[in-house]
């Protein structure tokens, strides 16, 4: 028959130090970030996943084909959005930076202007 080993009791003075040591070694838990679900990356990932799924497993009914067309339209919108933000706006910023280096005065990109300066309300509001 196997004999059980008895654990040696440690003094109570070492226990608080051991607890503090374990607390220091334990990884600190950071709170989860607040995720914003209604953003472009989430939309684009969802639409791209839906499009890939509809290509891998072709739809068999009218609703499936409609969903595939919606995914295709959403994917096209996403690509257009990526193109505009990464190519058009980056080029505009580069041109503005070069103009500022040359010392040219930059025209305002957007100037707010009132259409009906004389009137307080537009004719369509009456």
N, C-alpha and C. Protein backbone atom coordinates (compact mmCIF):
# COMPACT_ATOMS: atom_id res chain seq x y z
N UNK A 1 0.84 -1.17 0.00
CA UNK A 1 0.00 0.00 0.00
C UNK A 1 0.89 1.24 0.00
N UNK A 2 0.53 2.21 -0.81
CA UNK A 2 1.33 3.43 -0.92
C UNK A 2 1.10 4.31 0.29
N UNK A 3 2.20 4.88 0.72
CA UNK A 3 2.08 5.78 1.86
C UNK A 3 1.87 7.20 1.35
N UNK A 4 1.03 7.94 2.01
CA UNK A 4 0.78 9.33 1.65
C UNK A 4 1.84 10.21 2.30
N UNK A 5 2.30 11.16 1.54
CA UNK A 5 3.28 12.10 2.08
C UNK A 5 2.55 13.25 2.74
N UNK A 6 3.06 13.67 3.83
CA UNK A 6 2.50 14.82 4.52
C UNK A 6 3.26 16.06 4.08
N UNK A 7 2.50 17.10 3.81
CA UNK A 7 3.13 18.37 3.44
C UNK A 7 3.61 19.07 4.68
N UNK A 8 4.74 19.63 4.56
CA UNK A 8 5.28 20.40 5.68
C UNK A 8 4.54 21.72 5.73
N UNK A 9 4.14 22.08 6.89
CA UNK A 9 3.43 23.34 7.05
C UNK A 9 4.43 24.48 7.03
N UNK A 10 4.04 25.51 6.28
CA UNK A 10 4.90 26.69 6.23
C UNK A 10 4.43 27.66 7.27
N UNK A 11 5.31 28.52 7.64
CA UNK A 11 4.94 29.50 8.65
C UNK A 11 3.98 30.51 8.05
N UNK A 12 3.14 31.10 8.86
CA UNK A 12 2.14 32.05 8.39
C UNK A 12 2.78 33.36 7.97
N UNK A 13 4.00 33.60 8.34
CA UNK A 13 4.67 34.85 7.97
C UNK A 13 5.01 34.87 6.48
N UNK A 14 5.24 33.70 5.87
CA UNK A 14 5.62 33.68 4.46
C UNK A 14 4.40 33.75 3.53
N UNK A 15 3.23 33.49 4.03
CA UNK A 15 2.04 33.49 3.18
C UNK A 15 1.71 34.85 2.59
N UNK A 16 1.71 35.96 3.32
CA UNK A 16 1.42 37.25 2.68
C UNK A 16 2.45 37.62 1.62
N UNK A 17 3.71 37.27 1.85
CA UNK A 17 4.73 37.57 0.84
C UNK A 17 4.50 36.74 -0.41
N UNK A 18 4.09 35.50 -0.21
CA UNK A 18 3.82 34.63 -1.36
C UNK A 18 2.61 35.14 -2.14
N UNK A 19 1.57 35.61 -1.47
CA UNK A 19 0.39 36.16 -2.15
C UNK A 19 0.73 37.42 -2.93
N UNK A 20 1.58 38.26 -2.37
CA UNK A 20 1.99 39.48 -3.07
C UNK A 20 2.83 39.14 -4.29
N UNK A 21 3.67 38.10 -4.17
CA UNK A 21 4.50 37.68 -5.28
C UNK A 21 3.63 37.13 -6.42
N UNK A 22 2.62 36.34 -6.07
CA UNK A 22 1.74 35.79 -7.10
C UNK A 22 0.93 36.89 -7.77
N UNK A 23 0.50 37.89 -7.00
CA UNK A 23 -0.26 38.99 -7.58
C UNK A 23 0.61 39.81 -8.54
N UNK A 24 1.90 39.94 -8.21
CA UNK A 24 2.80 40.70 -9.08
C UNK A 24 3.10 39.93 -10.36
N UNK A 25 3.16 38.60 -10.27
CA UNK A 25 3.48 37.80 -11.44
C UNK A 25 2.27 37.54 -12.33
N UNK A 26 1.08 37.65 -11.77
CA UNK A 26 -0.13 37.39 -12.55
C UNK A 26 -0.32 38.49 -13.60
N UNK A 27 -0.71 38.11 -14.81
CA UNK A 27 -0.91 39.14 -15.84
C UNK A 27 -2.11 40.02 -15.49
N UNK A 28 -1.92 41.31 -15.69
CA UNK A 28 -3.02 42.23 -15.40
C UNK A 28 -4.03 42.16 -16.54
N UNK A 29 -5.28 42.14 -16.21
CA UNK A 29 -6.33 42.06 -17.23
C UNK A 29 -6.74 43.47 -17.62
N UNK A 30 -6.66 43.70 -18.92
CA UNK A 30 -7.11 44.98 -19.43
C UNK A 30 -8.57 44.84 -19.82
N UNK A 31 -9.33 45.89 -19.68
CA UNK A 31 -10.73 45.79 -20.12
C UNK A 31 -10.81 45.71 -21.63
N UNK A 32 -11.83 45.04 -22.12
CA UNK A 32 -12.01 44.92 -23.55
C UNK A 32 -12.34 46.28 -24.15
N UNK A 33 -11.84 46.57 -25.35
CA UNK A 33 -12.15 47.87 -25.96
C UNK A 33 -13.61 47.94 -26.38
N UNK A 34 -14.11 49.15 -26.45
CA UNK A 34 -15.47 49.37 -26.93
C UNK A 34 -15.44 49.26 -28.45
N UNK A 35 -16.08 48.26 -29.00
CA UNK A 35 -16.05 48.03 -30.44
C UNK A 35 -17.20 48.76 -31.08
N UNK A 36 -16.91 49.48 -32.12
CA UNK A 36 -17.94 50.19 -32.87
C UNK A 36 -18.31 49.33 -34.07
N UNK A 37 -19.49 48.75 -34.03
CA UNK A 37 -19.91 47.80 -35.05
C UNK A 37 -20.31 48.46 -36.35
N UNK A 38 -20.79 49.67 -36.31
CA UNK A 38 -21.25 50.34 -37.53
C UNK A 38 -20.14 51.18 -38.13
N UNK A 39 -19.07 50.51 -38.51
CA UNK A 39 -17.93 51.17 -39.12
C UNK A 39 -17.62 50.51 -40.45
N UNK A 40 -16.78 51.17 -41.24
CA UNK A 40 -16.46 50.64 -42.56
C UNK A 40 -15.74 49.30 -42.52
N UNK A 41 -14.73 49.09 -41.65
CA UNK A 41 -14.07 47.78 -41.67
C UNK A 41 -15.01 46.62 -41.38
N UNK A 42 -15.95 46.81 -40.48
CA UNK A 42 -16.91 45.74 -40.17
C UNK A 42 -17.81 45.50 -41.37
N UNK A 43 -18.29 46.57 -41.99
CA UNK A 43 -19.15 46.43 -43.17
C UNK A 43 -18.41 45.72 -44.30
N UNK A 44 -17.18 46.13 -44.55
CA UNK A 44 -16.43 45.55 -45.66
C UNK A 44 -16.11 44.08 -45.40
N UNK A 45 -15.75 43.74 -44.17
CA UNK A 45 -15.47 42.34 -43.85
C UNK A 45 -16.72 41.49 -44.00
N UNK A 46 -17.86 42.00 -43.56
CA UNK A 46 -19.11 41.25 -43.68
C UNK A 46 -19.48 41.04 -45.14
N UNK A 47 -19.40 42.09 -45.93
CA UNK A 47 -19.79 41.99 -47.35
C UNK A 47 -18.81 41.10 -48.10
N UNK A 48 -17.51 41.22 -47.80
CA UNK A 48 -16.53 40.37 -48.48
C UNK A 48 -16.73 38.91 -48.11
N UNK A 49 -17.01 38.64 -46.85
CA UNK A 49 -17.28 37.27 -46.43
C UNK A 49 -18.53 36.71 -47.07
N UNK A 50 -19.55 37.54 -47.17
CA UNK A 50 -20.80 37.12 -47.82
C UNK A 50 -20.58 36.84 -49.30
N UNK A 51 -19.79 37.66 -49.95
CA UNK A 51 -19.51 37.46 -51.37
C UNK A 51 -18.70 36.19 -51.60
N UNK A 52 -17.68 35.97 -50.78
CA UNK A 52 -16.87 34.76 -50.92
C UNK A 52 -17.72 33.52 -50.65
N UNK A 53 -18.58 33.58 -49.63
CA UNK A 53 -19.44 32.44 -49.32
C UNK A 53 -20.42 32.17 -50.45
N UNK A 54 -20.92 33.21 -51.09
CA UNK A 54 -21.87 32.99 -52.19
C UNK A 54 -21.17 32.51 -53.46
N UNK A 55 -19.88 32.76 -53.58
CA UNK A 55 -19.13 32.24 -54.73
C UNK A 55 -18.75 30.77 -54.49
N UNK A 56 -18.31 30.47 -53.27
CA UNK A 56 -17.91 29.10 -52.94
C UNK A 56 -19.12 28.17 -52.96
N UNK A 57 -20.22 28.62 -52.38
CA UNK A 57 -21.44 27.83 -52.33
C UNK A 57 -22.53 28.61 -53.07
N UNK A 58 -22.69 28.38 -54.37
CA UNK A 58 -23.63 29.20 -55.16
C UNK A 58 -25.06 29.11 -54.65
N UNK A 59 -25.79 30.21 -54.73
CA UNK A 59 -27.17 30.21 -54.26
C UNK A 59 -28.06 29.36 -55.17
N UNK A 60 -29.15 28.87 -54.59
CA UNK A 60 -30.04 28.02 -55.37
C UNK A 60 -31.41 28.65 -55.61
N UNK A 61 -31.72 29.72 -54.90
CA UNK A 61 -33.04 30.33 -55.07
C UNK A 61 -32.92 31.81 -55.39
N UNK A 62 -34.10 32.43 -55.56
CA UNK A 62 -34.12 33.85 -55.89
C UNK A 62 -33.57 34.70 -54.76
N UNK A 63 -33.88 34.33 -53.52
CA UNK A 63 -33.38 35.10 -52.38
C UNK A 63 -31.85 35.02 -52.30
N UNK A 64 -31.30 33.87 -52.62
CA UNK A 64 -29.85 33.71 -52.62
C UNK A 64 -29.18 34.56 -53.67
N UNK A 65 -29.79 34.61 -54.86
CA UNK A 65 -29.23 35.45 -55.92
C UNK A 65 -29.34 36.93 -55.57
N UNK A 66 -30.43 37.31 -54.93
CA UNK A 66 -30.58 38.70 -54.50
C UNK A 66 -29.52 39.05 -53.46
N UNK A 67 -29.28 38.13 -52.54
CA UNK A 67 -28.26 38.36 -51.52
C UNK A 67 -26.86 38.45 -52.14
N UNK A 68 -26.62 37.64 -53.17
CA UNK A 68 -25.34 37.70 -53.87
C UNK A 68 -25.17 39.04 -54.59
N UNK A 69 -26.23 39.55 -55.19
CA UNK A 69 -26.16 40.86 -55.85
C UNK A 69 -25.93 41.98 -54.84
N UNK A 70 -26.59 41.88 -53.69
CA UNK A 70 -26.40 42.89 -52.64
C UNK A 70 -24.95 42.85 -52.15
N UNK A 71 -24.41 41.64 -51.98
CA UNK A 71 -23.02 41.50 -51.54
C UNK A 71 -22.06 42.06 -52.59
N UNK A 72 -22.37 41.83 -53.85
CA UNK A 72 -21.52 42.35 -54.93
C UNK A 72 -21.56 43.88 -54.97
N UNK A 73 -22.76 44.45 -54.79
CA UNK A 73 -22.88 45.91 -54.77
C UNK A 73 -22.16 46.49 -53.56
N UNK A 74 -22.29 45.86 -52.41
CA UNK A 74 -21.59 46.33 -51.21
C UNK A 74 -20.09 46.22 -51.34
N UNK A 75 -19.62 45.16 -51.99
CA UNK A 75 -18.18 45.00 -52.21
C UNK A 75 -17.67 46.07 -53.16
N UNK A 76 -18.45 46.39 -54.18
CA UNK A 76 -18.07 47.46 -55.10
C UNK A 76 -18.00 48.80 -54.40
N UNK A 77 -18.97 49.05 -53.52
CA UNK A 77 -18.95 50.29 -52.73
C UNK A 77 -17.70 50.33 -51.85
N UNK A 78 -17.38 49.20 -51.24
CA UNK A 78 -16.20 49.14 -50.37
C UNK A 78 -14.91 49.41 -51.13
N UNK A 79 -14.79 48.83 -52.33
CA UNK A 79 -13.60 49.08 -53.15
C UNK A 79 -13.52 50.54 -53.58
N UNK A 80 -14.67 51.12 -53.93
CA UNK A 80 -14.68 52.54 -54.30
C UNK A 80 -14.27 53.41 -53.12
N UNK A 81 -14.74 53.06 -51.94
CA UNK A 81 -14.39 53.81 -50.73
C UNK A 81 -12.89 53.71 -50.46
N UNK A 82 -12.34 52.51 -50.57
CA UNK A 82 -10.90 52.34 -50.37
C UNK A 82 -10.10 53.11 -51.40
N UNK A 83 -10.55 53.10 -52.65
CA UNK A 83 -9.85 53.84 -53.70
C UNK A 83 -9.85 55.33 -53.41
N UNK A 84 -11.00 55.86 -53.05
CA UNK A 84 -11.09 57.30 -52.79
C UNK A 84 -10.24 57.69 -51.60
N UNK A 85 -10.31 56.93 -50.52
CA UNK A 85 -9.56 57.33 -49.33
C UNK A 85 -8.06 57.14 -49.49
N UNK A 86 -7.64 56.13 -50.23
CA UNK A 86 -6.20 55.85 -50.31
C UNK A 86 -5.52 56.46 -51.52
N UNK A 87 -6.23 56.74 -52.58
CA UNK A 87 -5.59 57.26 -53.79
C UNK A 87 -5.92 58.74 -53.98
N UNK A 88 -7.18 59.07 -54.04
CA UNK A 88 -7.58 60.45 -54.34
C UNK A 88 -7.19 61.40 -53.21
N UNK A 89 -7.56 61.07 -51.99
CA UNK A 89 -7.28 61.97 -50.87
C UNK A 89 -5.78 62.03 -50.59
N UNK A 90 -5.08 60.89 -50.72
CA UNK A 90 -3.62 60.90 -50.52
C UNK A 90 -2.93 61.78 -51.56
N UNK A 91 -3.40 61.73 -52.81
CA UNK A 91 -2.82 62.59 -53.84
C UNK A 91 -3.09 64.05 -53.57
N UNK A 92 -4.29 64.36 -53.10
CA UNK A 92 -4.62 65.74 -52.77
C UNK A 92 -3.75 66.25 -51.63
N UNK A 93 -3.56 65.43 -50.61
CA UNK A 93 -2.71 65.84 -49.49
C UNK A 93 -1.26 66.03 -49.92
N UNK A 94 -0.78 65.16 -50.81
CA UNK A 94 0.58 65.28 -51.32
C UNK A 94 0.75 66.58 -52.11
N UNK A 95 -0.23 66.91 -52.95
CA UNK A 95 -0.15 68.16 -53.72
C UNK A 95 -0.21 69.37 -52.80
N UNK A 96 -1.03 69.32 -51.76
CA UNK A 96 -1.10 70.44 -50.82
C UNK A 96 0.22 70.60 -50.07
N UNK A 97 0.84 69.48 -49.69
CA UNK A 97 2.11 69.54 -48.98
C UNK A 97 3.20 70.14 -49.86
N UNK A 98 3.24 69.74 -51.13
CA UNK A 98 4.24 70.29 -52.06
C UNK A 98 4.01 71.77 -52.31
N UNK A 99 2.74 72.18 -52.40
CA UNK A 99 2.44 73.60 -52.60
C UNK A 99 2.85 74.40 -51.37
N UNK A 100 2.66 73.85 -50.18
CA UNK A 100 3.06 74.55 -48.97
C UNK A 100 4.58 74.68 -48.89
N UNK A 101 5.31 73.66 -49.37
CA UNK A 101 6.78 73.74 -49.38
C UNK A 101 7.27 74.80 -50.35
N UNK A 102 6.56 74.99 -51.47
CA UNK A 102 6.94 76.02 -52.44
C UNK A 102 6.53 77.41 -51.98
N UNK A 103 5.70 77.49 -50.96
CA UNK A 103 5.27 78.77 -50.44
C UNK A 103 4.02 79.31 -51.11
N UNK A 104 3.34 78.50 -51.86
CA UNK A 104 2.11 78.94 -52.52
C UNK A 104 0.96 78.95 -51.51
N UNK A 105 0.04 79.87 -51.74
CA UNK A 105 -1.13 79.92 -50.89
C UNK A 105 -2.13 78.88 -51.38
N UNK A 106 -2.61 78.08 -50.46
CA UNK A 106 -3.51 76.99 -50.82
C UNK A 106 -4.95 77.47 -50.88
N UNK A 107 -5.67 77.12 -51.93
CA UNK A 107 -7.09 77.45 -51.94
C UNK A 107 -7.83 76.56 -50.95
N UNK A 108 -8.89 77.09 -50.42
CA UNK A 108 -9.69 76.30 -49.48
C UNK A 108 -10.33 75.14 -50.21
N UNK A 109 -10.30 73.99 -49.60
CA UNK A 109 -10.88 72.81 -50.22
C UNK A 109 -12.41 72.90 -50.23
N UNK A 110 -12.96 73.50 -49.19
CA UNK A 110 -14.40 73.62 -49.09
C UNK A 110 -14.72 74.96 -48.47
N UNK A 111 -15.49 75.74 -49.16
CA UNK A 111 -15.88 77.04 -48.63
C UNK A 111 -17.38 77.04 -48.46
N UNK A 112 -17.80 77.25 -47.24
CA UNK A 112 -19.22 77.26 -46.97
C UNK A 112 -19.80 78.58 -47.45
N UNK A 113 -20.88 78.49 -48.17
CA UNK A 113 -21.48 79.68 -48.77
C UNK A 113 -22.99 79.59 -48.64
N UNK A 114 -23.58 80.70 -48.29
CA UNK A 114 -25.03 80.76 -48.24
C UNK A 114 -25.56 81.02 -49.63
N UNK A 115 -26.55 80.28 -50.02
CA UNK A 115 -27.10 80.46 -51.35
C UNK A 115 -28.03 81.66 -51.38
N UNK A 116 -28.86 81.77 -50.35
CA UNK A 116 -29.81 82.88 -50.28
C UNK A 116 -29.34 83.84 -49.20
N UNK A 117 -28.51 84.79 -49.57
CA UNK A 117 -27.97 85.72 -48.59
C UNK A 117 -29.00 86.75 -48.13
N UNK A 118 -29.91 87.15 -49.01
CA UNK A 118 -30.85 88.22 -48.69
C UNK A 118 -32.01 87.71 -47.84
N UNK A 119 -32.39 86.50 -48.04
CA UNK A 119 -33.60 85.98 -47.39
C UNK A 119 -33.23 85.15 -46.17
N UNK A 120 -34.15 85.17 -45.22
CA UNK A 120 -33.94 84.36 -44.03
C UNK A 120 -34.34 82.91 -44.28
N UNK A 121 -35.33 82.72 -45.14
CA UNK A 121 -35.77 81.36 -45.45
C UNK A 121 -35.69 81.14 -46.94
N UNK A 122 -35.57 79.90 -47.32
CA UNK A 122 -35.56 79.57 -48.73
C UNK A 122 -36.98 79.59 -49.26
N UNK A 123 -37.15 79.78 -50.56
CA UNK A 123 -38.49 79.79 -51.13
C UNK A 123 -39.22 78.46 -50.95
N UNK A 124 -38.50 77.34 -50.88
CA UNK A 124 -39.18 76.05 -50.72
C UNK A 124 -39.71 75.85 -49.31
N UNK A 125 -39.23 76.63 -48.33
CA UNK A 125 -39.70 76.50 -46.95
C UNK A 125 -41.01 77.24 -46.71
N UNK A 126 -41.42 78.08 -47.63
CA UNK A 126 -42.63 78.89 -47.41
C UNK A 126 -43.88 78.11 -47.66
